[in-house]
Amino acid sequence: MESVVLKRSKLVRYDASVERRVFSAPMMTLFAVGGALLTGALSQIRLPLPFTPIPVTGQVLAVLLCGSLLGSGYGMLSQLLFIAAGLAGVPWLAGGHVGVAALLAPTAGYLVGFLAAAYFVGHGTQAGAWGRSLQGQIVVMLGGAGIVLFCGATYLMLTMGLSPWHAFVMGVLPFLAMDVVKAVMAAMLTSAVLPKYKR
C-alpha cells in the first residue's frame, strides 16, 4: 500500500503533458501571436527618463505573463514574433525603433532579455505545482524580470563603453521598483488561473 507521503506527492505534482494535450500546436501558435500583440500593446506605455536612454514601459509585464501562461517554448515564440514584427517595420518597439536600427538601439539588450526571460518563466512554471502557486510565481517572475535587466545592462556596458556601475545605474536601478511591482502583479494573475494539481 502506498504511503501517505507518496500519495500526497502524486497529488501535488503537476503533469505538464496534460496541458500540452489540451491545445493543439496551431492553437498554441495563435496564442503566441496574441502574446506578441499583448507585448506590442503594452510597449506603447512609455515613460522617458531624462538620465537614461531606456524608457519605462509595460513590456516586462507582458513578457512575464506570456512565459507563464504559454510555457517556455511558446512563451519565447511570442517574444520572437514581437521582435520580428518590430524588425519588419511595426513601430511598437521601445523608443519607436524599427528595422535594423532596433538592433543598434540602447534597448536592444532588453529584447534579448525578453526571449530568455519568457523561456525561464515558462520553464519555472512548468516545473511543478509549487511553481504555479503565488509564492512560486513571484519567485519565477522576479527571476524573469532580473534576466531582462541583466541582459539590458550588459548590452549597455558593452556597446556604450560603460563601467558595470554606470550600466547598473542607467539600465537597472531606475527600473527595479517598477519591475518588482510588475512581477508581483503578473504572479497574482497567473497563479489565480494556472492549474495546480495533476488531473
N, C-alpha and C. Protein backbone atom coordinates (compact mmCIF):
# COMPACT_ATOMS: atom_id res chain seq x y z
N MET A 1 0.85 -1.19 0.00
CA MET A 1 0.00 0.00 0.00
C MET A 1 0.88 1.24 0.00
N GLU A 2 0.52 2.22 -0.82
CA GLU A 2 1.30 3.42 -0.92
C GLU A 2 1.25 4.22 0.37
N SER A 3 2.35 4.83 0.70
CA SER A 3 2.38 5.66 1.90
C SER A 3 1.61 6.95 1.66
N VAL A 4 1.26 7.61 2.76
CA VAL A 4 0.55 8.88 2.67
C VAL A 4 1.41 9.92 1.97
N VAL A 5 2.72 9.90 2.25
CA VAL A 5 3.63 10.87 1.64
C VAL A 5 3.69 10.68 0.13
N LEU A 6 3.74 9.40 -0.31
CA LEU A 6 3.80 9.13 -1.74
C LEU A 6 2.52 9.57 -2.43
N LYS A 7 1.37 9.28 -1.80
CA LYS A 7 0.10 9.69 -2.38
C LYS A 7 0.03 11.21 -2.50
N ARG A 8 0.52 11.89 -1.45
CA ARG A 8 0.47 13.35 -1.48
C ARG A 8 1.38 13.91 -2.57
N SER A 9 2.54 13.29 -2.76
CA SER A 9 3.46 13.78 -3.80
C SER A 9 2.84 13.62 -5.18
N LYS A 10 2.08 12.57 -5.38
CA LYS A 10 1.42 12.37 -6.66
C LYS A 10 0.31 13.40 -6.87
N LEU A 11 -0.33 13.79 -5.77
CA LEU A 11 -1.43 14.73 -5.87
C LEU A 11 -0.96 16.12 -6.28
N VAL A 12 0.15 16.56 -5.69
CA VAL A 12 0.58 17.93 -5.93
C VAL A 12 1.51 18.06 -7.13
N ARG A 13 1.98 16.93 -7.67
CA ARG A 13 2.86 17.02 -8.83
C ARG A 13 2.05 17.36 -10.07
N TYR A 14 2.47 18.38 -10.77
CA TYR A 14 1.75 18.80 -11.97
C TYR A 14 2.32 18.10 -13.19
N ASP A 15 1.45 17.55 -13.98
CA ASP A 15 1.87 16.84 -15.20
C ASP A 15 1.69 17.78 -16.39
N ALA A 16 2.79 18.39 -16.84
CA ALA A 16 2.71 19.36 -17.93
C ALA A 16 2.23 18.73 -19.23
N SER A 17 2.41 17.43 -19.40
CA SER A 17 1.99 16.79 -20.65
C SER A 17 0.48 16.85 -20.82
N VAL A 18 -0.26 16.90 -19.71
CA VAL A 18 -1.72 17.01 -19.80
C VAL A 18 -2.09 18.31 -20.47
N GLU A 19 -1.44 19.41 -20.04
CA GLU A 19 -1.75 20.71 -20.62
C GLU A 19 -1.41 20.75 -22.09
N ARG A 20 -0.30 20.13 -22.47
CA ARG A 20 0.10 20.15 -23.88
C ARG A 20 -0.91 19.43 -24.76
N ARG A 21 -1.66 18.50 -24.18
CA ARG A 21 -2.66 17.78 -24.98
C ARG A 21 -3.96 18.55 -25.11
N VAL A 22 -4.15 19.58 -24.28
CA VAL A 22 -5.40 20.34 -24.30
C VAL A 22 -5.50 21.18 -25.56
N PHE A 23 -4.41 21.85 -25.93
CA PHE A 23 -4.41 22.73 -27.10
C PHE A 23 -3.45 22.17 -28.15
N SER A 24 -3.87 22.27 -29.40
CA SER A 24 -3.02 21.81 -30.50
C SER A 24 -1.90 22.82 -30.74
N ALA A 25 -0.91 22.39 -31.52
CA ALA A 25 0.20 23.28 -31.85
C ALA A 25 -0.26 24.53 -32.59
N PRO A 26 -1.18 24.41 -33.57
CA PRO A 26 -1.66 25.64 -34.23
C PRO A 26 -2.35 26.59 -33.26
N MET A 27 -3.11 26.04 -32.31
CA MET A 27 -3.78 26.89 -31.33
C MET A 27 -2.77 27.58 -30.43
N MET A 28 -1.74 26.84 -29.99
CA MET A 28 -0.71 27.44 -29.15
C MET A 28 0.07 28.52 -29.92
N THR A 29 0.28 28.29 -31.21
CA THR A 29 0.94 29.29 -32.03
C THR A 29 0.09 30.55 -32.13
N LEU A 30 -1.22 30.36 -32.23
CA LEU A 30 -2.13 31.50 -32.25
C LEU A 30 -2.07 32.26 -30.93
N PHE A 31 -1.99 31.53 -29.84
CA PHE A 31 -1.83 32.18 -28.53
C PHE A 31 -0.51 32.96 -28.48
N ALA A 32 0.53 32.40 -29.08
CA ALA A 32 1.82 33.09 -29.11
C ALA A 32 1.71 34.41 -29.89
N VAL A 33 0.95 34.39 -30.98
CA VAL A 33 0.70 35.62 -31.74
C VAL A 33 -0.02 36.63 -30.84
N GLY A 34 -1.00 36.14 -30.08
CA GLY A 34 -1.69 37.01 -29.14
C GLY A 34 -0.74 37.58 -28.10
N GLY A 35 0.21 36.76 -27.65
CA GLY A 35 1.21 37.24 -26.70
C GLY A 35 2.08 38.33 -27.29
N ALA A 36 2.44 38.18 -28.57
CA ALA A 36 3.22 39.21 -29.25
C ALA A 36 2.43 40.51 -29.35
N LEU A 37 1.14 40.39 -29.65
CA LEU A 37 0.29 41.58 -29.73
C LEU A 37 0.15 42.25 -28.36
N LEU A 38 0.04 41.43 -27.31
CA LEU A 38 -0.04 41.99 -25.96
C LEU A 38 1.24 42.75 -25.62
N THR A 39 2.39 42.16 -25.94
CA THR A 39 3.66 42.82 -25.68
C THR A 39 3.75 44.13 -26.45
N GLY A 40 3.31 44.10 -27.71
CA GLY A 40 3.33 45.32 -28.51
C GLY A 40 2.41 46.38 -27.96
N ALA A 41 1.24 45.96 -27.47
CA ALA A 41 0.29 46.93 -26.90
C ALA A 41 0.86 47.57 -25.64
N LEU A 42 1.45 46.75 -24.75
CA LEU A 42 1.98 47.29 -23.51
C LEU A 42 3.27 48.08 -23.73
N SER A 43 3.93 47.87 -24.88
CA SER A 43 5.12 48.66 -25.18
C SER A 43 4.77 50.11 -25.49
N GLN A 44 3.48 50.35 -25.77
CA GLN A 44 3.06 51.73 -26.04
C GLN A 44 2.96 52.56 -24.77
N ILE A 45 3.01 51.89 -23.62
CA ILE A 45 3.08 52.61 -22.35
C ILE A 45 4.55 52.97 -22.14
N ARG A 46 4.91 54.20 -22.40
CA ARG A 46 6.31 54.62 -22.36
C ARG A 46 6.46 55.86 -21.51
N LEU A 47 7.41 55.81 -20.62
CA LEU A 47 7.73 56.96 -19.79
C LEU A 47 9.22 57.25 -19.94
N PRO A 48 9.59 58.22 -20.78
CA PRO A 48 11.01 58.55 -20.96
C PRO A 48 11.61 59.08 -19.65
N LEU A 49 12.87 58.74 -19.42
CA LEU A 49 13.58 59.22 -18.25
C LEU A 49 14.74 60.11 -18.72
N PRO A 50 14.98 61.23 -18.05
CA PRO A 50 15.99 62.18 -18.53
C PRO A 50 17.43 61.72 -18.35
N PHE A 51 17.65 60.72 -17.49
CA PHE A 51 19.03 60.34 -17.15
C PHE A 51 19.44 59.00 -17.74
N THR A 52 18.60 58.43 -18.62
CA THR A 52 18.93 57.16 -19.26
C THR A 52 18.21 57.07 -20.60
N PRO A 53 18.81 56.43 -21.60
CA PRO A 53 18.13 56.29 -22.89
C PRO A 53 17.05 55.21 -22.89
N ILE A 54 16.87 54.54 -21.76
CA ILE A 54 15.89 53.46 -21.66
C ILE A 54 14.61 53.98 -21.02
N PRO A 55 13.47 53.89 -21.71
CA PRO A 55 12.22 54.34 -21.10
C PRO A 55 11.59 53.26 -20.22
N VAL A 56 10.73 53.68 -19.33
CA VAL A 56 9.90 52.73 -18.59
C VAL A 56 8.74 52.32 -19.49
N THR A 57 8.51 51.02 -19.65
CA THR A 57 7.41 50.54 -20.48
C THR A 57 6.66 49.42 -19.76
N GLY A 58 5.59 48.97 -20.38
CA GLY A 58 4.83 47.86 -19.81
C GLY A 58 5.22 46.51 -20.38
N GLN A 59 6.28 46.48 -21.17
CA GLN A 59 6.65 45.25 -21.88
C GLN A 59 6.98 44.10 -20.95
N VAL A 60 7.69 44.37 -19.88
CA VAL A 60 8.12 43.29 -18.98
C VAL A 60 6.92 42.54 -18.43
N LEU A 61 5.85 43.24 -18.12
CA LEU A 61 4.64 42.58 -17.63
C LEU A 61 4.13 41.57 -18.65
N ALA A 62 4.10 41.97 -19.92
CA ALA A 62 3.64 41.07 -20.97
C ALA A 62 4.56 39.87 -21.13
N VAL A 63 5.86 40.11 -21.06
CA VAL A 63 6.83 39.01 -21.20
C VAL A 63 6.61 37.97 -20.10
N LEU A 64 6.43 38.42 -18.88
CA LEU A 64 6.24 37.51 -17.77
C LEU A 64 4.95 36.72 -17.91
N LEU A 65 3.89 37.39 -18.31
CA LEU A 65 2.60 36.72 -18.50
C LEU A 65 2.70 35.68 -19.61
N CYS A 66 3.34 36.03 -20.71
CA CYS A 66 3.46 35.10 -21.84
C CYS A 66 4.26 33.86 -21.44
N GLY A 67 5.36 34.07 -20.73
CA GLY A 67 6.16 32.92 -20.32
C GLY A 67 5.40 31.98 -19.43
N SER A 68 4.66 32.52 -18.48
CA SER A 68 3.94 31.68 -17.53
C SER A 68 2.74 30.98 -18.17
N LEU A 69 1.96 31.72 -18.93
CA LEU A 69 0.72 31.17 -19.47
C LEU A 69 0.93 30.31 -20.71
N LEU A 70 1.97 30.59 -21.49
CA LEU A 70 2.21 29.84 -22.72
C LEU A 70 3.26 28.75 -22.59
N GLY A 71 4.05 28.80 -21.52
CA GLY A 71 5.13 27.84 -21.36
C GLY A 71 6.42 28.34 -21.98
N SER A 72 7.48 27.60 -21.76
CA SER A 72 8.79 28.07 -22.18
C SER A 72 8.91 28.26 -23.69
N GLY A 73 8.50 27.24 -24.46
CA GLY A 73 8.66 27.30 -25.91
C GLY A 73 7.79 28.33 -26.57
N TYR A 74 6.50 28.28 -26.31
CA TYR A 74 5.58 29.21 -26.94
C TYR A 74 5.67 30.60 -26.33
N GLY A 75 6.06 30.69 -25.08
CA GLY A 75 6.30 32.00 -24.49
C GLY A 75 7.45 32.71 -25.19
N MET A 76 8.53 31.97 -25.42
CA MET A 76 9.66 32.55 -26.14
C MET A 76 9.27 32.86 -27.58
N LEU A 77 8.44 32.00 -28.19
CA LEU A 77 7.98 32.26 -29.55
C LEU A 77 7.20 33.57 -29.61
N SER A 78 6.39 33.85 -28.60
CA SER A 78 5.62 35.10 -28.61
C SER A 78 6.54 36.31 -28.66
N GLN A 79 7.65 36.24 -27.93
CA GLN A 79 8.59 37.36 -27.93
C GLN A 79 9.39 37.42 -29.21
N LEU A 80 9.69 36.28 -29.79
CA LEU A 80 10.37 36.25 -31.08
C LEU A 80 9.50 36.88 -32.16
N LEU A 81 8.21 36.59 -32.11
CA LEU A 81 7.28 37.20 -33.07
C LEU A 81 7.17 38.70 -32.85
N PHE A 82 7.15 39.11 -31.59
CA PHE A 82 7.11 40.54 -31.26
C PHE A 82 8.33 41.26 -31.82
N ILE A 83 9.50 40.68 -31.60
CA ILE A 83 10.75 41.30 -32.08
C ILE A 83 10.80 41.28 -33.61
N ALA A 84 10.42 40.15 -34.21
CA ALA A 84 10.46 40.03 -35.67
C ALA A 84 9.54 41.05 -36.33
N ALA A 85 8.37 41.27 -35.75
CA ALA A 85 7.46 42.27 -36.30
C ALA A 85 8.06 43.67 -36.21
N GLY A 86 8.74 43.95 -35.10
CA GLY A 86 9.40 45.24 -34.96
C GLY A 86 10.50 45.43 -35.98
N LEU A 87 11.27 44.37 -36.21
CA LEU A 87 12.34 44.45 -37.20
C LEU A 87 11.78 44.59 -38.62
N ALA A 88 10.57 44.06 -38.81
CA ALA A 88 9.94 44.13 -40.13
C ALA A 88 9.29 45.49 -40.38
N GLY A 89 9.19 46.32 -39.34
CA GLY A 89 8.65 47.66 -39.55
C GLY A 89 7.49 48.06 -38.67
N VAL A 90 6.97 47.15 -37.86
CA VAL A 90 5.88 47.53 -36.95
C VAL A 90 6.47 48.44 -35.86
N PRO A 91 5.98 49.68 -35.73
CA PRO A 91 6.60 50.65 -34.82
C PRO A 91 6.15 50.48 -33.38
N TRP A 92 6.43 49.32 -32.80
CA TRP A 92 5.98 49.13 -31.42
C TRP A 92 7.11 48.79 -30.45
N LEU A 93 8.35 48.78 -30.92
CA LEU A 93 9.47 48.56 -30.01
C LEU A 93 9.72 49.83 -29.21
N ALA A 94 10.30 49.68 -28.02
CA ALA A 94 10.57 50.82 -27.16
C ALA A 94 11.43 51.84 -27.89
N GLY A 95 11.03 53.11 -27.78
CA GLY A 95 11.77 54.17 -28.47
C GLY A 95 11.31 54.37 -29.90
N GLY A 96 10.39 53.51 -30.39
CA GLY A 96 9.89 53.66 -31.74
C GLY A 96 10.86 53.18 -32.81
N HIS A 97 11.91 52.45 -32.43
CA HIS A 97 12.88 51.97 -33.41
C HIS A 97 12.28 50.82 -34.23
N VAL A 98 12.60 50.81 -35.51
CA VAL A 98 12.16 49.72 -36.40
C VAL A 98 13.34 49.26 -37.23
N GLY A 99 13.21 48.06 -37.79
CA GLY A 99 14.24 47.53 -38.66
C GLY A 99 15.57 47.31 -37.95
N VAL A 100 16.64 47.41 -38.71
CA VAL A 100 17.98 47.17 -38.17
C VAL A 100 18.31 48.16 -37.06
N ALA A 101 17.73 49.35 -37.13
CA ALA A 101 18.00 50.37 -36.11
C ALA A 101 17.64 49.88 -34.72
N ALA A 102 16.66 48.98 -34.63
CA ALA A 102 16.26 48.45 -33.33
C ALA A 102 17.36 47.60 -32.72
N LEU A 103 18.15 46.95 -33.57
CA LEU A 103 19.25 46.11 -33.07
C LEU A 103 20.45 46.94 -32.62
N LEU A 104 20.50 48.20 -33.09
CA LEU A 104 21.60 49.08 -32.73
C LEU A 104 21.22 50.05 -31.62
N ALA A 105 19.96 50.06 -31.24
CA ALA A 105 19.49 50.98 -30.21
C ALA A 105 19.93 50.53 -28.83
N PRO A 106 19.97 51.44 -27.86
CA PRO A 106 20.37 51.06 -26.49
C PRO A 106 19.44 50.03 -25.86
N THR A 107 18.23 49.92 -26.37
CA THR A 107 17.26 48.99 -25.80
C THR A 107 17.39 47.56 -26.33
N ALA A 108 18.31 47.32 -27.26
CA ALA A 108 18.39 46.01 -27.91
C ALA A 108 18.68 44.88 -26.93
N GLY A 109 19.46 45.15 -25.91
CA GLY A 109 19.76 44.10 -24.93
C GLY A 109 18.54 43.60 -24.20
N TYR A 110 17.59 44.48 -24.00
CA TYR A 110 16.36 44.08 -23.31
C TYR A 110 15.54 43.13 -24.18
N LEU A 111 15.63 43.30 -25.50
CA LEU A 111 14.91 42.39 -26.40
C LEU A 111 15.44 40.97 -26.26
N VAL A 112 16.76 40.84 -26.17
CA VAL A 112 17.35 39.53 -25.92
C VAL A 112 16.87 38.99 -24.58
N GLY A 113 16.78 39.89 -23.60
CA GLY A 113 16.29 39.51 -22.28
C GLY A 113 14.85 39.02 -22.30
N PHE A 114 14.04 39.59 -23.19
CA PHE A 114 12.65 39.14 -23.30
C PHE A 114 12.58 37.66 -23.68
N LEU A 115 13.41 37.28 -24.64
CA LEU A 115 13.43 35.88 -25.08
C LEU A 115 13.85 34.96 -23.94
N ALA A 116 14.94 35.32 -23.27
CA ALA A 116 15.47 34.48 -22.20
C ALA A 116 14.51 34.44 -21.01
N ALA A 117 13.91 35.58 -20.68
CA ALA A 117 13.01 35.65 -19.54
C ALA A 117 11.74 34.83 -19.78
N ALA A 118 11.18 34.92 -20.98
CA ALA A 118 9.98 34.15 -21.29
C ALA A 118 10.25 32.66 -21.16
N TYR A 119 11.41 32.23 -21.65
CA TYR A 119 11.76 30.81 -21.54
C TYR A 119 11.94 30.42 -20.07
N PHE A 120 12.65 31.24 -19.33
CA PHE A 120 12.90 30.95 -17.91
C PHE A 120 11.60 30.87 -17.11
N VAL A 121 10.73 31.85 -17.30
CA VAL A 121 9.47 31.87 -16.57
C VAL A 121 8.61 30.66 -16.94
N GLY A 122 8.56 30.34 -18.24
CA GLY A 122 7.79 29.19 -18.68
C GLY A 122 8.33 27.90 -18.10
N HIS A 123 9.64 27.75 -18.08
CA HIS A 123 10.25 26.54 -17.53
C HIS A 123 9.97 26.43 -16.04
N GLY A 124 10.11 27.53 -15.32
CA GLY A 124 9.85 27.51 -13.89
C GLY A 124 8.40 27.20 -13.57
N THR A 125 7.50 27.71 -14.40
CA THR A 125 6.08 27.45 -14.18
C THR A 125 5.72 26.01 -14.47
N GLN A 126 6.36 25.42 -15.46
CA GLN A 126 6.06 24.04 -15.85
C GLN A 126 6.73 23.02 -14.94
N ALA A 127 7.63 23.47 -14.07
CA ALA A 127 8.42 22.53 -13.27
C ALA A 127 7.61 21.77 -12.24
N GLY A 128 6.52 22.35 -11.76
CA GLY A 128 5.73 21.64 -10.75
C GLY A 128 4.66 22.52 -10.16
N ALA A 129 3.89 21.94 -9.24
CA ALA A 129 2.77 22.65 -8.65
C ALA A 129 3.23 23.87 -7.86
N TRP A 130 4.38 23.76 -7.16
CA TRP A 130 4.83 24.89 -6.37
C TRP A 130 5.12 26.09 -7.25
N GLY A 131 5.64 25.85 -8.45
CA GLY A 131 5.93 26.94 -9.37
C GLY A 131 4.69 27.67 -9.82
N ARG A 132 3.53 27.05 -9.64
CA ARG A 132 2.27 27.66 -10.05
C ARG A 132 1.52 28.29 -8.88
N SER A 133 2.05 28.14 -7.69
CA SER A 133 1.47 28.81 -6.52
C SER A 133 1.85 30.28 -6.57
N LEU A 134 1.21 31.10 -5.73
CA LEU A 134 1.53 32.52 -5.72
C LEU A 134 2.98 32.75 -5.34
N GLN A 135 3.45 32.03 -4.31
CA GLN A 135 4.85 32.21 -3.89
C GLN A 135 5.80 31.79 -5.00
N GLY A 136 5.52 30.65 -5.60
CA GLY A 136 6.39 30.17 -6.68
C GLY A 136 6.39 31.11 -7.86
N GLN A 137 5.23 31.62 -8.22
CA GLN A 137 5.16 32.53 -9.35
C GLN A 137 5.89 33.84 -9.07
N ILE A 138 5.83 34.32 -7.85
CA ILE A 138 6.56 35.54 -7.50
C ILE A 138 8.06 35.32 -7.69
N VAL A 139 8.56 34.18 -7.20
CA VAL A 139 9.98 33.88 -7.35
C VAL A 139 10.36 33.79 -8.83
N VAL A 140 9.56 33.07 -9.60
CA VAL A 140 9.84 32.89 -11.02
C VAL A 140 9.78 34.22 -11.76
N MET A 141 8.76 35.03 -11.46
CA MET A 141 8.61 36.32 -12.14
C MET A 141 9.75 37.27 -11.80
N LEU A 142 10.16 37.29 -10.55
CA LEU A 142 11.28 38.14 -10.17
C LEU A 142 12.55 37.71 -10.90
N GLY A 143 12.73 36.39 -11.04
CA GLY A 143 13.87 35.89 -11.79
C GLY A 143 13.82 36.31 -13.24
N GLY A 144 12.62 36.24 -13.84
CA GLY A 144 12.48 36.66 -15.24
C GLY A 144 12.76 38.14 -15.42
N ALA A 145 12.23 38.96 -14.52
CA ALA A 145 12.49 40.40 -14.61
C ALA A 145 13.97 40.69 -14.43
N GLY A 146 14.63 39.95 -13.54
CA GLY A 146 16.06 40.12 -13.34
C GLY A 146 16.86 39.79 -14.59
N ILE A 147 16.43 38.76 -15.32
CA ILE A 147 17.11 38.38 -16.56
C ILE A 147 17.02 39.51 -17.58
N VAL A 148 15.83 40.12 -17.70
CA VAL A 148 15.67 41.23 -18.64
C VAL A 148 16.61 42.38 -18.29
N LEU A 149 16.66 42.74 -17.01
CA LEU A 149 17.51 43.84 -16.58
C LEU A 149 19.00 43.51 -16.78
N PHE A 150 19.37 42.28 -16.50
CA PHE A 150 20.77 41.88 -16.67
C PHE A 150 21.20 41.97 -18.12
N CYS A 151 20.36 41.45 -19.01
CA CYS A 151 20.70 41.49 -20.44
C CYS A 151 20.77 42.93 -20.94
N GLY A 152 19.82 43.75 -20.50
CA GLY A 152 19.80 45.14 -20.93
C GLY A 152 21.03 45.89 -20.46
N ALA A 153 21.39 45.73 -19.19
CA ALA A 153 22.55 46.44 -18.64
C ALA A 153 23.84 45.94 -19.26
N THR A 154 23.93 44.66 -19.51
CA THR A 154 25.13 44.10 -20.14
C THR A 154 25.34 44.67 -21.53
N TYR A 155 24.25 44.80 -22.29
CA TYR A 155 24.35 45.37 -23.63
C TYR A 155 24.80 46.83 -23.55
N LEU A 156 24.25 47.59 -22.61
CA LEU A 156 24.67 48.98 -22.44
C LEU A 156 26.16 49.07 -22.13
N MET A 157 26.62 48.19 -21.27
CA MET A 157 28.03 48.20 -20.87
C MET A 157 28.93 47.89 -22.06
N LEU A 158 28.54 46.94 -22.88
CA LEU A 158 29.39 46.51 -23.99
C LEU A 158 29.36 47.48 -25.16
N THR A 159 28.22 48.09 -25.42
CA THR A 159 28.09 48.94 -26.61
C THR A 159 28.36 50.41 -26.34
N MET A 160 28.16 50.85 -25.10
CA MET A 160 28.36 52.27 -24.79
C MET A 160 29.64 52.51 -23.99
N GLY A 161 30.39 51.46 -23.74
CA GLY A 161 31.64 51.61 -23.02
C GLY A 161 31.47 52.02 -21.57
N LEU A 162 30.35 51.61 -20.96
CA LEU A 162 30.08 51.98 -19.58
C LEU A 162 30.76 51.02 -18.61
N SER A 163 31.07 51.51 -17.44
CA SER A 163 31.54 50.63 -16.38
C SER A 163 30.36 49.82 -15.87
N PRO A 164 30.61 48.70 -15.21
CA PRO A 164 29.49 47.93 -14.65
C PRO A 164 28.58 48.77 -13.75
N TRP A 165 29.17 49.67 -12.97
CA TRP A 165 28.35 50.50 -12.08
C TRP A 165 27.46 51.47 -12.87
N HIS A 166 28.03 52.13 -13.88
CA HIS A 166 27.23 53.06 -14.66
C HIS A 166 26.16 52.32 -15.47
N ALA A 167 26.48 51.13 -15.95
CA ALA A 167 25.47 50.33 -16.66
C ALA A 167 24.33 49.96 -15.70
N PHE A 168 24.68 49.67 -14.46
CA PHE A 168 23.66 49.37 -13.45
C PHE A 168 22.79 50.59 -13.18
N VAL A 169 23.42 51.74 -13.04
CA VAL A 169 22.68 52.97 -12.74
C VAL A 169 21.75 53.35 -13.89
N MET A 170 22.19 53.15 -15.12
CA MET A 170 21.39 53.54 -16.28
C MET A 170 20.39 52.47 -16.70
N GLY A 171 20.77 51.19 -16.54
CA GLY A 171 19.95 50.13 -17.11
C GLY A 171 19.20 49.26 -16.15
N VAL A 172 19.48 49.41 -14.85
CA VAL A 172 18.82 48.55 -13.87
C VAL A 172 18.13 49.36 -12.77
N LEU A 173 18.89 50.21 -12.12
CA LEU A 173 18.40 50.92 -10.93
C LEU A 173 17.09 51.67 -11.16
N PRO A 174 16.91 52.40 -12.29
CA PRO A 174 15.66 53.15 -12.46
C PRO A 174 14.42 52.26 -12.61
N PHE A 175 14.64 50.97 -12.89
CA PHE A 175 13.51 50.10 -13.23
C PHE A 175 13.22 49.03 -12.17
N LEU A 176 14.05 48.97 -11.15
CA LEU A 176 13.93 47.90 -10.16
C LEU A 176 12.57 47.90 -9.48
N ALA A 177 12.17 49.04 -8.95
CA ALA A 177 10.92 49.10 -8.18
C ALA A 177 9.72 48.74 -9.06
N MET A 178 9.67 49.33 -10.26
CA MET A 178 8.54 49.05 -11.15
C MET A 178 8.52 47.60 -11.60
N ASP A 179 9.68 47.03 -11.84
CA ASP A 179 9.71 45.64 -12.28
C ASP A 179 9.31 44.68 -11.17
N VAL A 180 9.61 45.04 -9.93
CA VAL A 180 9.13 44.23 -8.81
C VAL A 180 7.61 44.28 -8.76
N VAL A 181 7.04 45.47 -8.96
CA VAL A 181 5.58 45.61 -8.98
C VAL A 181 4.98 44.79 -10.12
N LYS A 182 5.59 44.86 -11.30
CA LYS A 182 5.11 44.10 -12.45
C LYS A 182 5.19 42.60 -12.17
N ALA A 183 6.27 42.17 -11.55
CA ALA A 183 6.43 40.74 -11.26
C ALA A 183 5.36 40.25 -10.30
N VAL A 184 5.06 41.02 -9.28
CA VAL A 184 4.04 40.63 -8.31
C VAL A 184 2.66 40.64 -8.97
N MET A 185 2.40 41.66 -9.78
CA MET A 185 1.11 41.72 -10.49
C MET A 185 0.94 40.50 -11.39
N ALA A 186 1.99 40.18 -12.16
CA ALA A 186 1.92 39.03 -13.06
C ALA A 186 1.71 37.74 -12.27
N ALA A 187 2.40 37.61 -11.15
CA ALA A 187 2.28 36.40 -10.33
C ALA A 187 0.87 36.25 -9.78
N MET A 188 0.27 37.34 -9.35
CA MET A 188 -1.09 37.29 -8.82
C MET A 188 -2.08 36.86 -9.90
N LEU A 189 -1.88 37.36 -11.12
CA LEU A 189 -2.78 36.99 -12.21
C LEU A 189 -2.62 35.53 -12.62
N THR A 190 -1.38 35.11 -12.82
CA THR A 190 -1.16 33.76 -13.33
C THR A 190 -1.44 32.69 -12.28
N SER A 191 -1.08 32.94 -11.03
CA SER A 191 -1.31 31.92 -10.00
C SER A 191 -2.80 31.69 -9.77
N ALA A 192 -3.61 32.68 -10.14
CA ALA A 192 -5.05 32.54 -9.97
C ALA A 192 -5.70 31.68 -11.04
N VAL A 193 -5.04 31.57 -12.20
CA VAL A 193 -5.68 30.85 -13.32
C VAL A 193 -4.96 29.55 -13.69
N LEU A 194 -3.72 29.39 -13.30
CA LEU A 194 -2.98 28.17 -13.68
C LEU A 194 -3.41 26.98 -12.84
N PRO A 195 -3.53 25.79 -13.44
CA PRO A 195 -3.86 24.58 -12.67
C PRO A 195 -2.73 24.24 -11.74
N LYS A 196 -3.08 23.78 -10.54
CA LYS A 196 -2.06 23.48 -9.52
C LYS A 196 -1.82 21.98 -9.35
N TYR A 197 -2.79 21.12 -9.77
CA TYR A 197 -2.70 19.71 -9.46
C TYR A 197 -2.76 18.86 -10.71
N LYS A 198 -2.24 17.68 -10.56
CA LYS A 198 -2.30 16.71 -11.64
C LYS A 198 -3.76 16.30 -11.88
N ARG A 199 -4.14 16.29 -13.14
CA ARG A 199 -5.52 15.93 -13.48
C ARG A 199 -5.66 14.43 -13.73
